[in-house]
Amino acid sequence: MKPGHSGFRRLLYSTRYSLKGLGAAWRNEAAFRQELILTLVLLPTTFWLGRSLLEWLLLLGSALLVMIVELLNSAIEAIVDRIGVEHHVLSGRAKDLGSAAVFLSVLFAFLVWGSLLLSRLGVPLHT
């Protein structure tokens, strides 16, 4: 963004860049497309699974977290590939760490969705 933009104009430019990034992720990142489609498909389920606003926010938030981390992972991969496509131990480590972050966010979402599903089905989750 050019220096000197402030207030509402800055918000407009920031929004434009954010939408451009989401569009790039949709066009270039299969994992992001899959996660977004899965979130949209599961969205109606959140109203059945979530018995309170907090549970609904946990369901939706955990799905959004996966997409957020996927975007950051894709950014890391793009930067590493921009630097050079030849194999380097640090490049591999950066990509592996990004992938691990996605894995942990998916695991968290699975735990949230799974525990609320079991609770909704009447399975006791505590002693």
Protein backbone atom coordinates (compact mmCIF):
# COMPACT_ATOMS: atom_id res chain seq x y z
CA MET A 1 0.00 0.00 0.00
CA LYS A 2 1.27 3.46 -0.83
CA PRO A 3 2.38 5.62 2.08
CA GLY A 4 0.01 8.39 3.01
CA HIS A 5 -3.23 6.42 2.82
CA SER A 6 -5.14 6.61 6.04
CA GLY A 7 -8.63 6.28 7.38
CA PHE A 8 -11.33 4.98 5.09
CA ARG A 9 -9.10 4.94 2.00
CA ARG A 10 -6.62 2.69 3.78
CA LEU A 11 -9.48 0.36 4.77
CA LEU A 12 -10.61 0.19 1.13
CA TYR A 13 -7.11 -0.66 -0.09
CA SER A 14 -6.62 -3.24 2.67
CA THR A 15 -9.93 -4.87 1.78
CA ARG A 16 -8.99 -4.96 -1.89
CA TYR A 17 -5.64 -6.62 -1.14
CA SER A 18 -7.31 -9.13 1.18
CA LEU A 19 -9.88 -10.08 -1.46
CA LYS A 20 -7.08 -10.35 -4.02
CA GLY A 21 -5.28 -12.76 -1.68
CA LEU A 22 -8.41 -14.86 -1.17
CA GLY A 23 -8.88 -14.99 -4.94
CA ALA A 24 -5.28 -16.08 -5.44
CA ALA A 25 -5.71 -18.79 -2.82
CA TRP A 26 -8.89 -20.02 -4.52
CA ARG A 27 -7.22 -20.11 -7.95
CA ASN A 28 -3.87 -21.58 -6.91
CA GLU A 29 -4.32 -23.63 -3.74
CA ALA A 30 -6.32 -26.86 -3.99
CA ALA A 31 -6.17 -27.42 -0.23
CA PHE A 32 -7.70 -23.99 0.43
CA ARG A 33 -10.50 -24.70 -2.06
CA GLN A 34 -11.22 -28.04 -0.39
CA GLU A 35 -11.24 -26.50 3.09
CA LEU A 36 -13.50 -23.64 2.04
CA ILE A 37 -15.96 -25.96 0.29
CA LEU A 38 -16.00 -28.31 3.29
CA THR A 39 -16.64 -25.37 5.62
CA LEU A 40 -19.52 -24.15 3.47
CA VAL A 41 -21.00 -27.66 3.27
CA LEU A 42 -20.71 -28.13 7.05
CA LEU A 43 -22.00 -24.65 7.91
CA PRO A 44 -25.65 -25.76 8.26
CA THR A 45 -24.49 -28.52 10.63
CA THR A 46 -23.12 -25.91 13.02
CA PHE A 47 -26.66 -24.77 13.81
CA TRP A 48 -27.59 -28.32 14.84
CA LEU A 49 -24.36 -29.20 16.66
CA GLY A 50 -23.90 -25.93 18.50
CA ARG A 51 -26.31 -25.62 21.41
CA SER A 52 -25.03 -22.21 22.44
CA LEU A 53 -23.38 -19.22 20.86
CA LEU A 54 -20.05 -20.34 22.31
CA GLU A 55 -20.33 -23.81 20.76
CA TRP A 56 -21.39 -22.33 17.43
CA LEU A 57 -18.40 -19.98 17.52
CA LEU A 58 -16.07 -22.87 18.36
CA LEU A 59 -17.35 -24.87 15.40
CA LEU A 60 -17.12 -22.00 12.96
CA GLY A 61 -13.90 -20.64 14.47
CA SER A 62 -12.10 -23.97 14.26
CA ALA A 63 -13.02 -24.27 10.57
CA LEU A 64 -11.89 -20.70 9.91
CA LEU A 65 -8.65 -21.37 11.78
CA VAL A 66 -7.83 -24.19 9.35
CA MET A 67 -8.30 -21.83 6.39
CA ILE A 68 -6.28 -19.06 8.07
CA VAL A 69 -3.37 -21.39 8.76
CA GLU A 70 -3.63 -22.77 5.21
CA LEU A 71 -3.30 -19.23 3.85
CA LEU A 72 -0.20 -18.63 5.97
CA ASN A 73 1.27 -21.97 4.89
CA SER A 74 0.64 -21.10 1.24
CA ALA A 75 2.36 -17.75 1.77
CA ILE A 76 5.39 -19.49 3.29
CA GLU A 77 5.54 -21.92 0.37
CA ALA A 78 5.29 -19.08 -2.16
CA ILE A 79 8.11 -17.16 -0.48
CA VAL A 80 10.34 -20.24 -0.29
CA ASP A 81 9.67 -21.08 -3.95
CA ARG A 82 10.36 -17.45 -4.93
CA ILE A 83 13.77 -17.64 -3.27
CA GLY A 84 14.66 -20.79 -5.19
CA VAL A 85 13.20 -24.11 -6.23
CA GLU A 86 16.37 -26.10 -5.53
CA HIS A 87 16.25 -28.20 -2.38
CA HIS A 88 17.71 -26.61 0.73
CA VAL A 89 17.40 -27.91 4.28
CA LEU A 90 16.02 -24.58 5.55
CA SER A 91 13.51 -24.36 2.72
CA GLY A 92 12.32 -27.86 3.52
CA ARG A 93 12.11 -27.03 7.21
CA ALA A 94 10.04 -23.90 6.54
CA LYS A 95 7.60 -25.87 4.39
CA ASP A 96 7.43 -28.71 6.91
CA LEU A 97 6.72 -26.30 9.76
CA GLY A 98 3.94 -24.67 7.76
CA SER A 99 2.48 -28.08 7.01
CA ALA A 100 2.70 -29.02 10.70
CA ALA A 101 0.76 -25.87 11.59
CA VAL A 102 -1.99 -26.85 9.16
CA PHE A 103 -2.03 -30.36 10.63
CA LEU A 104 -2.42 -29.03 14.17
CA SER A 105 -5.23 -26.69 13.14
CA VAL A 106 -7.04 -29.60 11.43
CA LEU A 107 -6.52 -31.74 14.55
CA PHE A 108 -7.99 -28.96 16.71
CA ALA A 109 -11.00 -28.63 14.38
CA PHE A 110 -11.49 -32.41 14.45
CA LEU A 111 -11.43 -32.41 18.26
CA VAL A 112 -13.92 -29.52 18.47
CA TRP A 113 -16.31 -30.99 15.91
CA GLY A 114 -15.93 -34.54 17.24
CA SER A 115 -16.49 -33.63 20.88
CA LEU A 116 -19.55 -31.52 20.10
CA LEU A 117 -20.94 -34.25 17.84
CA LEU A 118 -20.49 -36.89 20.54
CA SER A 119 -22.06 -34.56 23.10
CA ARG A 120 -25.02 -33.92 20.79
CA LEU A 121 -25.45 -37.68 20.34
CA GLY A 122 -25.59 -38.10 24.12
CA VAL A 123 -22.17 -39.67 24.62
CA PRO A 124 -20.84 -38.54 28.02
CA LEU A 125 -17.45 -36.86 27.62
CA HIS A 126 -16.64 -36.34 31.28
CA THR A 127 -16.73 -38.41 34.45
